[in-house]
């Protein structure tokens, strides 16, 4: 079988759950999340049309975006907990290790350093970037729903993404090849934050933002591999909380 290689036990508990569960968690987090989001949007559009409203325009408002994202992330969190079941105890082993939290902070600092250096590089070659579609949407929502955004995008979101792309995808692929695990996790994680646009300027901006997400995917995965879920989750949550807090403060 593809996942016949059973990794040795780790004191950080990052490779301990069954391969089938790893696959299901990834599938639910990657495909299921989008299917559920599309279903919620269809329901909202139908009810809006019954009320004589423009459903498409309604979905593009921060209010509806908050409802859709909240429903999807909460549903995904519940699903992940149910799928993992008692195996979640194995994943929580890393939360008893202080090294995991230190590694998470170092991971976060490395991301800050990369962002600064990459920004300087873009400036040197005469290119500029702004928030991509994903960041702009979250920023608009945060301006209206500060505390709720911090809970959804700062805590629940990172938990769901770490389970999907580290506990699920990365751990599953690592059974076959560590390099394959890094490559596909980086590509897929970056792609979910990429928005295809037919506007050349917007498309270029999306492409120029990709390295930020690619490095983040690498940093999270490396920290997860070496220091478990507590390490990558610490970095991911802190990164999102800092970004959201800055939006709230500036606003």
Protein backbone atom coordinates (compact mmCIF):
# COMPACT_ATOMS: atom_id res chain seq x y z
CA UNK A 1 0.00 0.00 0.00
CA UNK A 2 1.01 3.62 -0.52
CA UNK A 3 1.16 4.21 3.26
CA UNK A 4 2.55 0.84 4.31
CA UNK A 5 5.54 2.52 6.01
CA UNK A 6 4.60 3.11 9.63
CA UNK A 7 6.79 5.88 11.10
CA UNK A 8 8.52 5.28 14.39
CA UNK A 9 6.81 6.73 17.48
CA UNK A 10 7.75 10.33 18.26
CA UNK A 11 7.72 12.05 21.63
CA UNK A 12 6.02 14.96 19.86
CA UNK A 13 3.23 12.71 18.64
CA UNK A 14 3.13 14.06 15.10
CA UNK A 15 3.10 10.77 13.17
CA UNK A 16 0.99 8.54 15.34
CA UNK A 17 -2.55 8.48 13.95
CA UNK A 18 -3.60 5.87 11.34
CA UNK A 19 -2.96 6.63 7.68
CA UNK A 20 -6.63 6.24 6.78
CA UNK A 21 -7.55 8.97 9.25
CA UNK A 22 -4.79 11.19 7.89
CA UNK A 23 -6.25 10.80 4.40
CA UNK A 24 -9.83 11.45 5.51
CA UNK A 25 -8.82 14.54 7.51
CA UNK A 26 -7.04 15.97 4.48
CA UNK A 27 -9.91 15.12 2.14
CA UNK A 28 -12.50 16.68 4.45
CA UNK A 29 -10.37 19.77 5.06
CA UNK A 30 -9.40 20.35 1.44
CA UNK A 31 -12.36 19.17 -0.64
CA UNK A 32 -15.08 18.97 2.00
CA UNK A 33 -14.47 22.53 3.14
CA UNK A 34 -15.04 23.87 -0.36
CA UNK A 35 -18.08 21.67 -1.00
CA UNK A 36 -19.66 22.79 2.27
CA UNK A 37 -18.85 26.45 1.54
CA UNK A 38 -20.42 26.14 -1.93
CA UNK A 39 -23.51 24.52 -0.38
CA UNK A 40 -23.90 27.32 2.16
CA UNK A 41 -23.54 29.90 -0.61
CA UNK A 42 -26.23 28.16 -2.69
CA UNK A 43 -28.62 28.17 0.27
CA UNK A 44 -27.98 31.88 0.88
CA UNK A 45 -28.44 32.67 -2.82
CA UNK A 46 -31.76 30.76 -2.97
CA UNK A 47 -33.17 32.46 0.11
CA UNK A 48 -31.97 35.83 -1.18
CA UNK A 49 -33.74 35.30 -4.51
CA UNK A 50 -36.95 34.37 -2.68
CA UNK A 51 -36.73 37.73 -0.93
CA UNK A 52 -36.10 39.51 -4.23
CA UNK A 53 -32.43 40.19 -3.44
CA UNK A 54 -29.31 39.77 -5.56
CA UNK A 55 -27.74 36.64 -4.06
CA UNK A 56 -24.39 37.08 -5.80
CA UNK A 57 -24.00 40.64 -4.59
CA UNK A 58 -25.07 39.58 -1.10
CA UNK A 59 -22.38 36.90 -0.94
CA UNK A 60 -19.72 39.50 -1.75
CA UNK A 61 -20.52 41.52 1.37
CA UNK A 62 -18.35 41.15 4.51
CA UNK A 63 -21.44 40.13 6.51
CA UNK A 64 -22.19 37.10 4.36
CA UNK A 65 -18.50 36.27 4.01
CA UNK A 66 -18.27 36.13 7.80
CA UNK A 67 -21.31 33.83 8.03
CA UNK A 68 -19.99 31.46 5.35
CA UNK A 69 -16.46 31.32 6.78
CA UNK A 70 -17.67 30.86 10.35
CA UNK A 71 -20.05 28.05 9.39
CA UNK A 72 -17.36 26.27 7.36
CA UNK A 73 -14.55 26.50 9.89
CA UNK A 74 -16.74 25.47 12.82
CA UNK A 75 -18.15 22.54 10.84
CA UNK A 76 -14.62 21.50 9.80
CA UNK A 77 -13.33 21.72 13.36
CA UNK A 78 -16.14 19.46 14.60
CA UNK A 79 -15.55 17.02 11.73
CA UNK A 80 -11.80 16.83 12.42
CA UNK A 81 -12.37 16.16 16.12
CA UNK A 82 -14.88 13.40 15.32
CA UNK A 83 -12.60 11.80 12.73
CA UNK A 84 -9.51 11.92 14.94
CA UNK A 85 -11.49 10.65 17.93
CA UNK A 86 -9.28 9.13 20.64
CA UNK A 87 -6.18 9.43 18.44
CA UNK A 88 -6.19 13.13 19.23
CA UNK A 89 -4.53 12.25 22.54
CA UNK A 90 -1.46 11.15 20.59
CA UNK A 91 -1.31 14.50 18.79
CA UNK A 92 -1.56 16.39 22.06
CA UNK A 93 1.68 14.87 23.34
CA UNK A 94 3.68 17.68 21.79
CA UNK A 95 1.78 20.24 23.88
CA UNK A 96 3.60 18.86 26.95
CA UNK A 97 6.99 19.71 25.44
CA UNK A 98 8.26 23.26 26.00
CA UNK A 99 10.56 22.86 22.99
CA UNK A 100 7.49 22.86 20.74
CA UNK A 101 6.47 26.36 21.81
CA UNK A 102 10.00 27.71 21.42
CA UNK A 103 10.16 26.14 17.96
CA UNK A 104 6.82 27.75 17.10
CA UNK A 105 8.13 31.20 18.02
CA UNK A 106 11.32 30.62 16.02
CA UNK A 107 9.18 29.50 13.08
CA UNK A 108 7.17 32.72 13.33
CA UNK A 109 10.33 34.84 13.43
CA UNK A 110 11.71 33.04 10.38
CA UNK A 111 8.50 33.91 8.52
CA UNK A 112 8.82 37.56 9.50
CA UNK A 113 12.44 37.56 8.32
CA UNK A 114 11.51 35.96 4.99
CA UNK A 115 8.68 38.45 4.44
CA UNK A 116 11.04 41.38 5.04
CA UNK A 117 13.76 40.00 2.78
CA UNK A 118 11.30 39.10 0.02
CA UNK A 119 9.72 42.54 0.27
CA UNK A 120 13.13 44.17 -0.07
CA UNK A 121 13.87 41.98 -3.11
CA UNK A 122 10.64 43.00 -4.81
CA UNK A 123 11.39 46.66 -4.14
CA UNK A 124 14.91 46.24 -5.55
CA UNK A 125 13.58 44.83 -8.82
CA UNK A 126 10.89 47.49 -9.08
CA UNK A 127 7.85 45.41 -8.14
CA UNK A 128 5.17 46.15 -5.59
CA UNK A 129 2.58 43.95 -3.93
CA UNK A 130 -0.60 44.63 -2.03
CA UNK A 131 -2.94 42.34 -0.12
CA UNK A 132 -4.22 39.56 -2.32
CA UNK A 133 -7.93 38.67 -2.57
CA UNK A 134 -7.77 36.30 0.41
CA UNK A 135 -6.10 38.84 2.71
CA UNK A 136 -8.33 41.70 1.55
CA UNK A 137 -11.47 39.70 2.27
CA UNK A 138 -10.33 38.79 5.77
CA UNK A 139 -9.25 42.38 6.43
CA UNK A 140 -12.69 43.71 5.44
CA UNK A 141 -14.40 41.17 7.68
CA UNK A 142 -12.07 41.97 10.59
CA UNK A 143 -12.91 45.68 10.36
CA UNK A 144 -16.55 44.82 11.03
CA UNK A 145 -16.19 41.80 13.31
CA UNK A 146 -12.99 42.31 15.29
CA UNK A 147 -13.38 39.77 18.11
CA UNK A 148 -15.31 37.22 16.05
CA UNK A 149 -12.64 37.40 13.33
CA UNK A 150 -9.91 36.77 15.87
CA UNK A 151 -11.74 33.64 17.06
CA UNK A 152 -12.54 32.32 13.56
CA UNK A 153 -9.47 33.36 11.56
CA UNK A 154 -6.98 33.63 14.41
CA UNK A 155 -7.71 30.41 16.29
CA UNK A 156 -10.22 28.05 14.67
CA UNK A 157 -8.90 28.63 11.13
CA UNK A 158 -5.28 27.78 11.96
CA UNK A 159 -6.37 24.69 13.90
CA UNK A 160 -8.37 23.45 10.90
CA UNK A 161 -5.54 24.18 8.46
CA UNK A 162 -2.89 22.53 10.62
CA UNK A 163 -4.99 19.40 10.91
CA UNK A 164 -5.75 19.40 7.19
CA UNK A 165 -2.28 20.12 5.80
CA UNK A 166 0.07 18.90 8.51
CA UNK A 167 -1.73 16.15 10.45
CA UNK A 168 -3.50 15.04 7.28
CA UNK A 169 -1.58 15.71 4.06
CA UNK A 170 2.01 16.10 5.25
CA UNK A 171 1.97 13.14 7.64
CA UNK A 172 0.33 10.90 5.07
CA UNK A 173 2.80 11.74 2.29
CA UNK A 174 5.72 11.54 4.69
CA UNK A 175 5.08 7.82 4.97
CA UNK A 176 6.11 7.56 1.32
CA UNK A 177 8.64 10.38 0.92
CA UNK A 178 9.61 13.33 3.07
CA UNK A 179 10.47 15.44 0.02
CA UNK A 180 7.17 14.62 -1.65
CA UNK A 181 5.41 15.60 1.56
CA UNK A 182 7.12 19.00 1.59
CA UNK A 183 6.60 19.63 -2.12
CA UNK A 184 2.89 18.83 -2.31
CA UNK A 185 2.07 20.44 1.02
CA UNK A 186 3.75 23.68 -0.07
CA UNK A 187 2.01 23.67 -3.47
CA UNK A 188 -1.45 22.83 -2.15
CA UNK A 189 -1.26 25.13 0.89
CA UNK A 190 -0.17 28.04 -1.31
CA UNK A 191 -2.86 27.27 -3.91
CA UNK A 192 -5.74 27.56 -1.42
CA UNK A 193 -4.67 31.16 -0.78
CA UNK A 194 -4.40 31.94 -4.50
CA UNK A 195 -7.23 33.61 -6.38
CA UNK A 196 -7.34 33.31 -10.18
CA UNK A 197 -8.12 36.65 -11.81
CA UNK A 198 -8.58 37.69 -15.44
CA UNK A 199 -7.26 41.13 -14.56
CA UNK A 200 -3.50 41.09 -15.40
CA UNK A 201 -2.59 43.46 -12.55
CA UNK A 202 -4.54 41.48 -9.97
CA UNK A 203 -3.19 38.17 -11.29
CA UNK A 204 0.40 39.45 -11.07
CA UNK A 205 -0.25 40.55 -7.49
CA UNK A 206 -1.58 37.07 -6.64
CA UNK A 207 1.50 35.45 -8.18
CA UNK A 208 3.88 37.78 -6.33
CA UNK A 209 2.15 36.92 -3.04
CA UNK A 210 2.60 33.17 -3.55
CA UNK A 211 6.15 33.00 -2.09
CA UNK A 212 4.83 34.28 1.25
CA UNK A 213 2.45 31.35 1.49
CA UNK A 214 4.96 28.87 0.11
CA UNK A 215 7.53 29.76 2.74
CA UNK A 216 4.85 29.69 5.45
CA UNK A 217 3.86 26.19 4.31
CA UNK A 218 7.49 25.06 4.46
CA UNK A 219 8.06 26.65 7.88
CA UNK A 220 4.88 25.18 9.36
CA UNK A 221 5.64 21.73 7.92
CA UNK A 222 9.25 21.73 9.11
CA UNK A 223 8.22 22.78 12.60
CA UNK A 224 5.48 20.15 12.63
CA UNK A 225 7.87 17.43 11.50
CA UNK A 226 10.46 18.26 14.13
CA UNK A 227 8.34 19.49 17.05
CA UNK A 228 4.82 18.26 16.50
CA UNK A 229 1.44 19.90 16.23
CA UNK A 230 2.07 22.25 19.15
CA UNK A 231 5.00 23.80 17.29
CA UNK A 232 3.31 24.48 13.96
CA UNK A 233 0.04 25.47 15.60
CA UNK A 234 1.79 27.97 17.89
CA UNK A 235 3.43 29.64 14.89
CA UNK A 236 0.26 29.62 12.78
CA UNK A 237 -2.02 31.01 15.50
CA UNK A 238 0.46 33.71 16.55
CA UNK A 239 0.98 34.76 12.93
CA UNK A 240 -2.75 35.13 12.31
CA UNK A 241 -3.45 36.81 15.65
CA UNK A 242 -0.74 39.41 15.08
CA UNK A 243 -2.00 40.18 11.57
CA UNK A 244 -5.63 40.44 12.70
CA UNK A 245 -4.73 42.54 15.73
CA UNK A 246 -2.84 45.01 13.54
CA UNK A 247 -5.89 45.35 11.28
CA UNK A 248 -8.12 45.97 14.30
CA UNK A 249 -5.73 48.51 15.83
CA UNK A 250 -5.16 50.44 12.60
CA UNK A 251 -8.88 50.43 11.86
